[in-house]
C-alpha atoms as a PDB file:
ATOM      1  CA  UNK A   1     129.643 143.264 154.417  1.00  0.00           C
ATOM      2  CA  UNK A   2     132.556 145.162 152.919  1.00  0.00           C
ATOM      3  CA  UNK A   3     135.186 143.230 150.997  1.00  0.00           C
ATOM      4  CA  UNK A   4     138.927 143.673 151.231  1.00  0.00           C
ATOM      5  CA  UNK A   5     140.398 145.928 148.522  1.00  0.00           C
ATOM      6  CA  UNK A   6     142.065 144.242 145.567  1.00  0.00           C
ATOM      7  CA  UNK A   7     145.820 144.756 145.486  1.00  0.00           C
ATOM      8  CA  UNK A   8     146.901 146.023 142.066  1.00  0.00           C
ATOM      9  CA  UNK A   9     150.628 146.529 142.716  1.00  0.00           C
ATOM     10  CA  UNK A  10     152.593 144.287 145.047  1.00  0.00           C
ATOM     11  CA  UNK A  11     156.378 144.364 145.341  1.00  0.00           C
ATOM     12  CA  UNK A  12     158.241 142.526 148.076  1.00  0.00           C
ATOM     13  CA  UNK A  13     161.950 142.707 148.965  1.00  0.00           C
ATOM     14  CA  UNK A  14     162.975 144.032 145.560  1.00  0.00           C
ATOM     15  CA  UNK A  15     166.739 144.451 145.117  1.00  0.00           C
ATOM     16  CA  UNK A  16     168.666 145.964 142.222  1.00  0.00           C
ATOM     17  CA  UNK A  17     172.309 146.912 141.742  1.00  0.00           C
ATOM     18  CA  UNK A  18     174.188 148.466 138.845  1.00  0.00           C
ATOM     19  CA  UNK A  19     177.731 147.231 139.226  1.00  0.00           C
ATOM     20  CA  UNK A  20     178.782 147.964 142.786  1.00  0.00           C
ATOM     21  CA  UNK A  21     176.060 150.610 143.225  1.00  0.00           C
ATOM     22  CA  UNK A  22     173.094 149.255 145.220  1.00  0.00           C
ATOM     23  CA  UNK A  23     170.020 151.115 143.964  1.00  0.00           C
ATOM     24  CA  UNK A  24     167.155 149.194 145.572  1.00  0.00           C
ATOM     25  CA  UNK A  25     167.564 147.401 148.885  1.00  0.00           C
ATOM     26  CA  UNK A  26     164.639 145.092 149.797  1.00  0.00           C
ATOM     27  CA  UNK A  27     161.933 147.544 148.711  1.00  0.00           C
ATOM     28  CA  UNK A  28     158.306 146.741 149.570  1.00  0.00           C
ATOM     29  CA  UNK A  29     155.401 148.534 147.844  1.00  0.00           C
ATOM     30  CA  UNK A  30     151.659 147.905 147.626  1.00  0.00           C
ATOM     31  CA  UNK A  31     148.813 149.832 146.010  1.00  0.00           C
ATOM     32  CA  UNK A  32     145.108 149.009 146.078  1.00  0.00           C
ATOM     33  CA  UNK A  33     143.069 148.960 142.895  1.00  0.00           C
ATOM     34  CA  UNK A  34     141.814 152.436 141.992  1.00  0.00           C
ATOM     35  CA  UNK A  35     144.236 154.182 144.339  1.00  0.00           C
ATOM     36  CA  UNK A  36     147.076 156.642 143.802  1.00  0.00           C
ATOM     37  CA  UNK A  37     150.421 155.758 145.365  1.00  0.00           C
ATOM     38  CA  UNK A  38     152.991 158.565 145.276  1.00  0.00           C
ATOM     39  CA  UNK A  39     156.643 157.593 145.398  1.00  0.00           C
ATOM     40  CA  UNK A  40     158.851 160.395 146.690  1.00  0.00           C
ATOM     41  CA  UNK A  41     162.582 160.584 147.082  1.00  0.00           C
ATOM     42  CA  UNK A  42     165.674 162.647 146.275  1.00  0.00           C
ATOM     43  CA  UNK A  43     167.493 162.285 142.974  1.00  0.00           C
ATOM     44  CA  UNK A  44     169.179 158.902 142.790  1.00  0.00           C
ATOM     45  CA  UNK A  45     166.920 157.322 145.402  1.00  0.00           C
ATOM     46  CA  UNK A  46     165.748 154.599 143.005  1.00  0.00           C
ATOM     47  CA  UNK A  47     162.279 155.851 141.990  1.00  0.00           C
ATOM     48  CA  UNK A  48     162.718 155.451 138.239  1.00  0.00           C
ATOM     49  CA  UNK A  49     164.439 152.101 138.694  1.00  0.00           C
ATOM     50  CA  UNK A  50     161.521 150.563 140.608  1.00  0.00           C
ATOM     51  CA  UNK A  51     159.109 151.862 137.947  1.00  0.00           C
ATOM     52  CA  UNK A  52     161.227 150.336 135.173  1.00  0.00           C
ATOM     53  CA  UNK A  53     161.308 147.009 137.018  1.00  0.00           C
ATOM     54  CA  UNK A  54     157.564 146.905 137.674  1.00  0.00           C
ATOM     55  CA  UNK A  55     156.842 147.835 134.054  1.00  0.00           C
ATOM     56  CA  UNK A  56     159.110 144.961 132.835  1.00  0.00           C
ATOM     57  CA  UNK A  57     161.689 147.258 131.217  1.00  0.00           C
ATOM     58  CA  UNK A  58     164.568 145.901 133.317  1.00  0.00           C
ATOM     59  CA  UNK A  59     164.854 142.874 135.627  1.00  0.00           C
ATOM     60  CA  UNK A  60     165.276 142.998 139.366  1.00  0.00           C
ATOM     61  CA  UNK A  61     168.147 141.100 140.973  1.00  0.00           C
ATOM     62  CA  UNK A  62     165.718 139.533 143.422  1.00  0.00           C
ATOM     63  CA  UNK A  63     162.287 139.980 144.958  1.00  0.00           C
ATOM     64  CA  UNK A  64     158.651 139.248 144.205  1.00  0.00           C
ATOM     65  CA  UNK A  65     156.563 141.578 142.008  1.00  0.00           C
ATOM     66  CA  UNK A  66     152.949 141.282 140.828  1.00  0.00           C
ATOM     67  CA  UNK A  67     150.732 143.628 138.807  1.00  0.00           C
ATOM     68  CA  UNK A  68     147.001 142.855 139.086  1.00  0.00           C
ATOM     69  CA  UNK A  69     147.917 139.296 140.030  1.00  0.00           C
ATOM     70  CA  UNK A  70     150.372 138.754 137.158  1.00  0.00           C
ATOM     71  CA  UNK A  71     153.967 137.907 138.034  1.00  0.00           C
ATOM     72  CA  UNK A  72     156.368 140.470 136.556  1.00  0.00           C
ATOM     73  CA  UNK A  73     159.105 137.858 136.142  1.00  0.00           C
ATOM     74  CA  UNK A  74     157.195 134.810 134.860  1.00  0.00           C
ATOM     75  CA  UNK A  75     154.380 136.599 133.005  1.00  0.00           C
ATOM     76  CA  UNK A  76     155.815 139.850 131.596  1.00  0.00           C
ATOM     77  CA  UNK A  77     153.501 139.777 128.559  1.00  0.00           C
ATOM     78  CA  UNK A  78     150.487 139.559 130.849  1.00  0.00           C
ATOM     79  CA  UNK A  79     151.777 142.545 132.822  1.00  0.00           C
ATOM     80  CA  UNK A  80     152.425 144.589 129.673  1.00  0.00           C
ATOM     81  CA  UNK A  81     148.853 144.025 128.564  1.00  0.00           C
ATOM     82  CA  UNK A  82     147.583 145.643 131.771  1.00  0.00           C
ATOM     83  CA  UNK A  83     149.850 148.647 132.208  1.00  0.00           C
ATOM     84  CA  UNK A  84     150.628 152.023 130.720  1.00  0.00           C
ATOM     85  CA  UNK A  85     153.776 154.080 131.266  1.00  0.00           C
ATOM     86  CA  UNK A  86     154.124 157.830 130.907  1.00  0.00           C
ATOM     87  CA  UNK A  87     157.747 158.853 131.286  1.00  0.00           C
ATOM     88  CA  UNK A  88     159.216 162.097 132.506  1.00  0.00           C
ATOM     89  CA  UNK A  89     159.788 163.246 128.922  1.00  0.00           C
ATOM     90  CA  UNK A  90     157.053 163.203 126.302  1.00  0.00           C
ATOM     91  CA  UNK A  91     157.320 160.243 123.925  1.00  0.00           C
ATOM     92  CA  UNK A  92     155.468 161.805 121.003  1.00  0.00           C
ATOM     93  CA  UNK A  93     156.374 162.301 117.350  1.00  0.00           C
ATOM     94  CA  UNK A  94     156.714 165.995 116.528  1.00  0.00           C
ATOM     95  CA  UNK A  95     156.243 165.376 112.806  1.00  0.00           C
ATOM     96  CA  UNK A  96     152.775 163.879 113.325  1.00  0.00           C
ATOM     97  CA  UNK A  97     149.511 165.476 114.384  1.00  0.00           C
ATOM     98  CA  UNK A  98     147.877 164.689 117.693  1.00  0.00           C
ATOM     99  CA  UNK A  99     145.369 162.354 116.044  1.00  0.00           C
ATOM    100  CA  UNK A 100     148.123 160.604 114.074  1.00  0.00           C
ATOM    101  CA  UNK A 101     150.116 159.991 117.247  1.00  0.00           C
ATOM    102  CA  UNK A 102     147.060 158.383 118.850  1.00  0.00           C
ATOM    103  CA  UNK A 103     146.273 156.306 115.752  1.00  0.00           C
ATOM    104  CA  UNK A 104     149.870 155.069 115.706  1.00  0.00           C
ATOM    105  CA  UNK A 105     149.488 153.918 119.298  1.00  0.00           C
ATOM    106  CA  UNK A 106     146.151 152.239 118.452  1.00  0.00           C
ATOM    107  CA  UNK A 107     147.922 150.320 115.674  1.00  0.00           C
ATOM    108  CA  UNK A 108     150.685 149.264 118.063  1.00  0.00           C
ATOM    109  CA  UNK A 109     147.977 148.036 120.440  1.00  0.00           C
ATOM    110  CA  UNK A 110     146.523 145.965 117.551  1.00  0.00           C
ATOM    111  CA  UNK A 111     143.130 147.662 117.671  1.00  0.00           C
ATOM    112  CA  UNK A 112     140.983 147.257 114.575  1.00  0.00           C
ATOM    113  CA  UNK A 113     140.595 150.272 112.322  1.00  0.00           C
ATOM    114  CA  UNK A 114     137.097 151.095 113.607  1.00  0.00           C
ATOM    115  CA  UNK A 115     137.906 150.398 117.250  1.00  0.00           C
ATOM    116  CA  UNK A 116     141.093 152.439 116.970  1.00  0.00           C
ATOM    117  CA  UNK A 117     139.284 155.418 115.462  1.00  0.00           C
ATOM    118  CA  UNK A 118     136.625 155.296 118.186  1.00  0.00           C
ATOM    119  CA  UNK A 119     139.302 155.211 120.869  1.00  0.00           C
ATOM    120  CA  UNK A 120     141.200 158.101 119.269  1.00  0.00           C
ATOM    121  CA  UNK A 121     138.024 160.210 119.140  1.00  0.00           C
ATOM    122  CA  UNK A 122     137.182 159.388 122.777  1.00  0.00           C
ATOM    123  CA  UNK A 123     140.638 160.359 124.019  1.00  0.00           C
ATOM    124  CA  UNK A 124     140.792 163.588 122.021  1.00  0.00           C
ATOM    125  CA  UNK A 125     137.519 164.621 123.636  1.00  0.00           C
ATOM    126  CA  UNK A 126     138.516 163.433 127.110  1.00  0.00           C
ATOM    127  CA  UNK A 127     141.762 165.413 127.039  1.00  0.00           C
ATOM    128  CA  UNK A 128     140.280 168.500 125.367  1.00  0.00           C
ATOM    129  CA  UNK A 129     142.426 168.089 122.251  1.00  0.00           C
ATOM    130  CA  UNK A 130     139.732 167.798 119.580  1.00  0.00           C
ATOM    131  CA  UNK A 131     140.378 171.273 118.166  1.00  0.00           C
ATOM    132  CA  UNK A 132     144.109 170.529 117.909  1.00  0.00           C
ATOM    133  CA  UNK A 133     143.702 166.958 116.635  1.00  0.00           C
ATOM    134  CA  UNK A 134     144.965 167.729 113.129  1.00  0.00           C
ATOM    135  CA  UNK A 135     147.767 170.075 114.144  1.00  0.00           C
ATOM    136  CA  UNK A 136     151.386 169.005 114.285  1.00  0.00           C
ATOM    137  CA  UNK A 137     152.937 168.492 117.696  1.00  0.00           C
ATOM    138  CA  UNK A 138     155.364 171.338 117.019  1.00  0.00           C
ATOM    139  CA  UNK A 139     152.435 173.739 117.557  1.00  0.00           C
ATOM    140  CA  UNK A 140     151.377 172.213 120.905  1.00  0.00           C
ATOM    141  CA  UNK A 141     152.045 173.882 124.252  1.00  0.00           C
ATOM    142  CA  UNK A 142     153.808 171.965 127.008  1.00  0.00           C
ATOM    143  CA  UNK A 143     150.516 171.214 128.741  1.00  0.00           C
ATOM    144  CA  UNK A 144     148.926 169.950 125.534  1.00  0.00           C
ATOM    145  CA  UNK A 145     151.906 167.681 124.848  1.00  0.00           C
ATOM    146  CA  UNK A 146     151.680 166.152 128.328  1.00  0.00           C
ATOM    147  CA  UNK A 147     147.940 165.593 127.946  1.00  0.00           C
ATOM    148  CA  UNK A 148     148.519 163.882 124.613  1.00  0.00           C
ATOM    149  CA  UNK A 149     151.332 161.830 126.139  1.00  0.00           C
ATOM    150  CA  UNK A 150     148.980 160.544 128.843  1.00  0.00           C
ATOM    151  CA  UNK A 151     146.196 159.997 126.280  1.00  0.00           C
ATOM    152  CA  UNK A 152     148.564 157.773 124.295  1.00  0.00           C
ATOM    153  CA  UNK A 153     149.208 155.744 127.436  1.00  0.00           C
ATOM    154  CA  UNK A 154     145.463 155.200 127.780  1.00  0.00           C
ATOM    155  CA  UNK A 155     144.812 153.916 124.247  1.00  0.00           C
ATOM    156  CA  UNK A 156     144.941 150.319 125.471  1.00  0.00           C
ATOM    157  CA  UNK A 157     142.772 151.111 128.540  1.00  0.00           C
ATOM    158  CA  UNK A 158     145.384 149.998 131.093  1.00  0.00           C
ATOM    159  CA  UNK A 159     144.391 148.976 134.608  1.00  0.00           C
ATOM    160  CA  UNK A 160     147.667 150.243 136.116  1.00  0.00           C
ATOM    161  CA  UNK A 161     149.537 153.390 135.056  1.00  0.00           C
ATOM    162  CA  UNK A 162     153.044 154.462 135.984  1.00  0.00           C
ATOM    163  CA  UNK A 163     153.446 158.240 135.871  1.00  0.00           C
ATOM    164  CA  UNK A 164     157.020 159.483 136.144  1.00  0.00           C
ATOM    165  CA  UNK A 165     157.114 163.222 136.915  1.00  0.00           C
ATOM    166  CA  UNK A 166     153.917 163.880 134.893  1.00  0.00           C
ATOM    167  CA  UNK A 167     153.765 167.636 135.524  1.00  0.00           C
ATOM    168  CA  UNK A 168     157.470 168.461 135.352  1.00  0.00           C
ATOM    169  CA  UNK A 169     157.932 171.812 133.621  1.00  0.00           C
ATOM    170  CA  UNK A 170     154.225 172.634 133.348  1.00  0.00           C
ATOM    171  CA  UNK A 171     152.724 175.992 134.247  1.00  0.00           C
ATOM    172  CA  UNK A 172     150.294 176.087 137.223  1.00  0.00           C
ATOM    173  CA  UNK A 173     147.135 175.964 135.080  1.00  0.00           C
ATOM    174  CA  UNK A 174     148.359 172.969 133.065  1.00  0.00           C
ATOM    175  CA  UNK A 175     149.456 171.262 136.275  1.00  0.00           C
ATOM    176  CA  UNK A 176     145.981 171.615 137.784  1.00  0.00           C
ATOM    177  CA  UNK A 177     144.453 170.202 134.599  1.00  0.00           C
ATOM    178  CA  UNK A 178     146.716 167.152 134.798  1.00  0.00           C
ATOM    179  CA  UNK A 179     145.858 166.674 138.459  1.00  0.00           C
ATOM    180  CA  UNK A 180     142.157 166.605 137.633  1.00  0.00           C
ATOM    181  CA  UNK A 181     142.739 164.037 134.893  1.00  0.00           C
ATOM    182  CA  UNK A 182     144.716 161.819 137.285  1.00  0.00           C
ATOM    183  CA  UNK A 183     141.951 162.026 139.904  1.00  0.00           C
ATOM    184  CA  UNK A 184     139.322 161.069 137.319  1.00  0.00           C
ATOM    185  CA  UNK A 185     141.371 158.059 136.238  1.00  0.00           C
ATOM    186  CA  UNK A 186     141.612 156.816 139.821  1.00  0.00           C
ATOM    187  CA  UNK A 187     137.872 157.315 140.349  1.00  0.00           C
ATOM    188  CA  UNK A 188     137.321 155.167 137.244  1.00  0.00           C
ATOM    189  CA  UNK A 189     139.260 152.325 138.910  1.00  0.00           C
ATOM    190  CA  UNK A 190     142.704 152.834 137.389  1.00  0.00           C
ATOM    191  CA  UNK A 191     145.606 152.300 139.789  1.00  0.00           C
ATOM    192  CA  UNK A 192     148.350 154.924 139.545  1.00  0.00           C
ATOM    193  CA  UNK A 193     151.928 154.823 140.747  1.00  0.00           C
ATOM    194  CA  UNK A 194     153.129 158.418 140.668  1.00  0.00           C
ATOM    195  CA  UNK A 195     156.749 159.455 141.056  1.00  0.00           C
ATOM    196  CA  UNK A 196     157.181 163.154 141.675  1.00  0.00           C
ATOM    197  CA  UNK A 197     159.491 165.771 143.145  1.00  0.00           C
ATOM    198  CA  UNK A 198     156.491 168.050 143.702  1.00  0.00           C
ATOM    199  CA  UNK A 199     155.468 167.513 147.319  1.00  0.00           C
ATOM    200  CA  UNK A 200     152.291 169.550 146.903  1.00  0.00           C
ATOM    201  CA  UNK A 201     151.354 167.256 144.012  1.00  0.00           C
ATOM    202  CA  UNK A 202     151.738 164.198 146.229  1.00  0.00           C
ATOM    203  CA  UNK A 203     149.746 165.866 149.005  1.00  0.00           C
ATOM    204  CA  UNK A 204     146.927 166.770 146.608  1.00  0.00           C
ATOM    205  CA  UNK A 205     146.673 163.456 144.743  1.00  0.00           C
ATOM    206  CA  UNK A 206     147.982 160.531 146.728  1.00  0.00           C
ATOM    207  CA  UNK A 207     145.956 158.118 148.814  1.00  0.00           C
ATOM    208  CA  UNK A 208     149.248 156.825 150.181  1.00  0.00           C
ATOM    209  CA  UNK A 209     152.842 158.023 149.986  1.00  0.00           C
ATOM    210  CA  UNK A 210     156.070 156.051 150.153  1.00  0.00           C
ATOM    211  CA  UNK A 211     159.391 157.864 150.613  1.00  0.00           C
ATOM    212  CA  UNK A 212     162.368 156.131 149.025  1.00  0.00           C
ATOM    213  CA  UNK A 213     165.848 157.092 150.157  1.00  0.00           C
ATOM    214  CA  UNK A 214     169.190 155.374 149.537  1.00  0.00           C
ATOM    215  CA  UNK A 215     167.317 152.426 148.036  1.00  0.00           C
ATOM    216  CA  UNK A 216     165.020 151.842 151.020  1.00  0.00           C
ATOM    217  CA  UNK A 217     161.487 152.843 151.938  1.00  0.00           C
ATOM    218  CA  UNK A 218     162.041 155.118 154.934  1.00  0.00           C
ATOM    219  CA  UNK A 219     158.438 156.262 155.501  1.00  0.00           C
ATOM    220  CA  UNK A 220     154.996 155.205 154.273  1.00  0.00           C
ATOM    221  CA  UNK A 221     151.401 156.156 154.997  1.00  0.00           C
ATOM    222  CA  UNK A 222     148.661 158.573 154.060  1.00  0.00           C
ATOM    223  CA  UNK A 223     149.719 162.221 153.722  1.00  0.00           C
ATOM    224  CA  UNK A 224     148.067 163.045 157.054  1.00  0.00           C
ATOM    225  CA  UNK A 225     149.674 160.063 158.784  1.00  0.00           C
ATOM    226  CA  UNK A 226     153.132 161.085 157.625  1.00  0.00           C
ATOM    227  CA  UNK A 227     152.660 164.707 158.660  1.00  0.00           C
ATOM    228  CA  UNK A 228     151.347 163.682 162.094  1.00  0.00           C
ATOM    229  CA  UNK A 229     154.598 161.801 162.834  1.00  0.00           C
ATOM    230  CA  UNK A 230     156.757 164.900 162.441  1.00  0.00           C
ATOM    231  CA  UNK A 231     157.219 167.251 165.420  1.00  0.00           C
ATOM    232  CA  UNK A 232     156.952 170.967 164.947  1.00  0.00           C
ATOM    233  CA  UNK A 233     153.230 171.652 164.950  1.00  0.00           C
ATOM    234  CA  UNK A 234     152.281 174.800 166.835  1.00  0.00           C
ATOM    235  CA  UNK A 235     149.600 177.406 167.436  1.00  0.00           C
ATOM    236  CA  UNK A 236     150.426 181.083 166.998  1.00  0.00           C
ATOM    237  CA  UNK A 237     148.448 183.265 169.414  1.00  0.00           C
ATOM    238  CA  UNK A 238     148.142 186.964 168.612  1.00  0.00           C
ATOM    239  CA  UNK A 239     147.596 189.511 171.421  1.00  0.00           C
ATOM    240  CA  UNK A 240     146.509 193.138 171.495  1.00  0.00           C
ATOM    241  CA  UNK A 241     149.176 194.254 173.961  1.00  0.00           C
ATOM    242  CA  UNK A 242     152.474 193.349 175.568  1.00  0.00           C
ATOM    243  CA  UNK A 243     150.908 192.779 179.030  1.00  0.00           C
ATOM    244  CA  UNK A 244     148.568 190.133 177.621  1.00  0.00           C
ATOM    245  CA  UNK A 245     151.432 188.448 175.805  1.00  0.00           C
ATOM    246  CA  UNK A 246     153.501 188.304 179.001  1.00  0.00           C
ATOM    247  CA  UNK A 247     150.582 186.940 180.987  1.00  0.00           C
ATOM    248  CA  UNK A 248     150.010 184.183 178.430  1.00  0.00           C
ATOM    249  CA  UNK A 249     153.732 183.356 178.351  1.00  0.00           C
ATOM    250  CA  UNK A 250     153.675 183.008 182.140  1.00  0.00           C
ATOM    251  CA  UNK A 251     150.837 180.472 181.873  1.00  0.00           C
ATOM    252  CA  UNK A 252     152.526 178.507 179.086  1.00  0.00           C
ATOM    253  CA  UNK A 253     156.219 178.012 179.954  1.00  0.00           C
ATOM    254  CA  UNK A 254     156.864 175.851 176.845  1.00  0.00           C
ATOM    255  CA  UNK A 255     155.736 178.667 174.532  1.00  0.00           C
ATOM    256  CA  UNK A 256     158.041 181.072 172.675  1.00  0.00           C
ATOM    257  CA  UNK A 257     157.040 184.760 172.805  1.00  0.00           C
ATOM    258  CA  UNK A 258     157.766 187.310 170.090  1.00  0.00           C
ATOM    259  CA  UNK A 259     157.403 190.729 171.707  1.00  0.00           C
ATOM    260  CA  UNK A 260     157.826 192.649 168.449  1.00  0.00           C
ATOM    261  CA  UNK A 261     154.996 190.774 166.746  1.00  0.00           C
ATOM    262  CA  UNK A 262     152.947 190.319 169.965  1.00  0.00           C
ATOM    263  CA  UNK A 263     152.772 186.620 169.119  1.00  0.00           C
ATOM    264  CA  UNK A 264     153.151 183.547 171.292  1.00  0.00           C
ATOM    265  CA  UNK A 265     154.114 180.281 169.578  1.00  0.00           C
ATOM    266  CA  UNK A 266     152.737 177.314 171.510  1.00  0.00           C
ATOM    267  CA  UNK A 267     153.737 173.707 170.689  1.00  0.00           C
ATOM    268  CA  UNK A 268     150.578 171.757 169.807  1.00  0.00           C
ATOM    269  CA  UNK A 269     149.473 168.746 167.800  1.00  0.00           C
ATOM    270  CA  UNK A 270     146.683 170.674 166.073  1.00  0.00           C
ATOM    271  CA  UNK A 271     143.813 168.534 167.371  1.00  0.00           C
ATOM    272  CA  UNK A 272     140.514 170.115 168.388  1.00  0.00           C
ATOM    273  CA  UNK A 273     140.815 168.848 171.968  1.00  0.00           C
ATOM    274  CA  UNK A 274     144.281 170.336 172.472  1.00  0.00           C
ATOM    275  CA  UNK A 275     143.180 173.658 170.992  1.00  0.00           C
ATOM    276  CA  UNK A 276     140.084 173.776 173.208  1.00  0.00           C
ATOM    277  CA  UNK A 277     142.216 173.008 176.282  1.00  0.00           C
ATOM    278  CA  UNK A 278     144.638 175.812 175.403  1.00  0.00           C
ATOM    279  CA  UNK A 279     141.908 178.426 174.885  1.00  0.00           C
ATOM    280  CA  UNK A 280     140.070 177.341 178.055  1.00  0.00           C
ATOM    281  CA  UNK A 281     143.264 177.794 180.052  1.00  0.00           C
ATOM    282  CA  UNK A 282     143.691 181.341 178.745  1.00  0.00           C
ATOM    283  CA  UNK A 283     139.985 182.165 179.195  1.00  0.00           C
ATOM    284  CA  UNK A 284     140.001 181.050 182.835  1.00  0.00           C
ATOM    285  CA  UNK A 285     143.035 183.269 183.467  1.00  0.00           C
ATOM    286  CA  UNK A 286     141.229 186.210 181.797  1.00  0.00           C
ATOM    287  CA  UNK A 287     143.852 186.498 179.084  1.00  0.00           C
ATOM    288  CA  UNK A 288     142.162 187.661 175.880  1.00  0.00           C
ATOM    289  CA  UNK A 289     143.437 186.323 172.567  1.00  0.00           C
ATOM    290  CA  UNK A 290     143.009 188.604 169.565  1.00  0.00           C
ATOM    291  CA  UNK A 291     143.577 185.894 166.944  1.00  0.00           C
ATOM    292  CA  UNK A 292     145.240 182.575 166.292  1.00  0.00           C
ATOM    293  CA  UNK A 293     146.589 180.433 163.493  1.00  0.00           C
ATOM    294  CA  UNK A 294     147.425 176.728 163.436  1.00  0.00           C
ATOM    295  CA  UNK A 295     150.613 175.529 161.793  1.00  0.00           C
ATOM    296  CA  UNK A 296     151.003 171.801 161.138  1.00  0.00           C
ATOM    297  CA  UNK A 297     154.039 170.077 159.620  1.00  0.00           C
ATOM    298  CA  UNK A 298     153.752 169.656 155.832  1.00  0.00           C
ATOM    299  CA  UNK A 299     155.270 167.147 153.423  1.00  0.00           C
ATOM    300  CA  UNK A 300     158.362 169.332 153.054  1.00  0.00           C
ATOM    301  CA  UNK A 301     159.001 168.785 156.765  1.00  0.00           C
ATOM    302  CA  UNK A 302     158.374 165.052 156.350  1.00  0.00           C
ATOM    303  CA  UNK A 303     160.706 164.806 153.355  1.00  0.00           C
ATOM    304  CA  UNK A 304     163.560 166.697 155.016  1.00  0.00           C
ATOM    305  CA  UNK A 305     163.178 164.758 158.266  1.00  0.00           C
ATOM    306  CA  UNK A 306     163.156 161.242 156.815  1.00  0.00           C
ATOM    307  CA  UNK A 307     165.751 161.783 154.068  1.00  0.00           C
ATOM    308  CA  UNK A 308     168.186 163.849 156.138  1.00  0.00           C
ATOM    309  CA  UNK A 309     170.906 166.056 154.719  1.00  0.00           C
ATOM    310  CA  UNK A 310     172.825 163.461 152.704  1.00  0.00           C
ATOM    311  CA  UNK A 311     170.906 163.825 149.430  1.00  0.00           C
ATOM    312  CA  UNK A 312     173.197 166.204 147.553  1.00  0.00           C
ATOM    313  CA  UNK A 313     175.824 164.926 145.171  1.00  0.00           C
ATOM    314  CA  UNK A 314     174.387 161.457 144.778  1.00  0.00           C
ATOM    315  CA  UNK A 315     175.187 159.434 141.644  1.00  0.00           C
ATOM    316  CA  UNK A 316     172.470 158.707 139.137  1.00  0.00           C
ATOM    317  CA  UNK A 317     170.317 155.786 140.188  1.00  0.00           C
ATOM    318  CA  UNK A 318     170.610 153.951 136.873  1.00  0.00           C
ATOM    319  CA  UNK A 319     173.689 154.346 134.670  1.00  0.00           C
ATOM    320  CA  UNK A 320     172.112 152.500 131.711  1.00  0.00           C
ATOM    321  CA  UNK A 321     170.463 154.464 128.871  1.00  0.00           C
ATOM    322  CA  UNK A 322     166.730 154.911 129.320  1.00  0.00           C
ATOM    323  CA  UNK A 323     165.726 154.989 125.689  1.00  0.00           C
ATOM    324  CA  UNK A 324     162.148 155.690 124.667  1.00  0.00           C
ATOM    325  CA  UNK A 325     159.336 155.472 127.187  1.00  0.00           C
ATOM    326  CA  UNK A 326     157.281 152.280 127.055  1.00  0.00           C
ATOM    327  CA  UNK A 327     153.566 152.411 126.491  1.00  0.00           C
END
């Protein structure tokens, strides 16, 4: 008999204001152990604020928050012992080598000398930084710095990790490397709350997605669930001649023909049954289709639909200084 998944992150009716500016308005979030929850939203939506609250950096005005069963308000030390935070900007010391940065973090985590050295060696190997271990950070590429930044977060073997824009500014190859590392962490049982502006990143990594806008969760579900709620899916039918296109258009009054391209765009939900029904209808009418392509709504469509057109010109979500990222 299967058991219910363990909830690693639970936030209920979280509110936060800075002065008269309401940043979070009764936000609810949950993430199962070993899952990846992506938090999307326009600038100023409150993404960084909810991460800072859950990681005990700032207090909420109200609400209930638990990390792996520990209350964020009444047991912040217990929460800090379970989490790791990787901020949008690398929190590494450029004057130290990669290994020295990791050893510093091991000392801050109160690991013994031997245990700290073992952990440093493990992480250098895991993040493919062994060859650069004794080089100063000033010689590291952007991708190497981000890998080291995440490695430093993992020194204490956290059960929950908050990743704020982890691939911002990385080239495509470095981004793919980071994605693979994040997947491996989740497979190992680590729970990850990922904030990102990269919708493809959320689509590739997330088990569930929550969209935050104007301080509220406006959509939540798996990537496929969110995309299925947005209209606009269609099938593009390609024909060999104008007569065939016109015949198909006569059979399908809701379709939009393009006579220059010899293409008919037919509204459809993309399911196998609907596609089979469409092709059967054309086959029975002896209308030959030369080719077809299926176009489903993507996360860009979801994002634009649920956040609307009001996102430009919004004030910063948190007017207080951020300071250094917490580990």
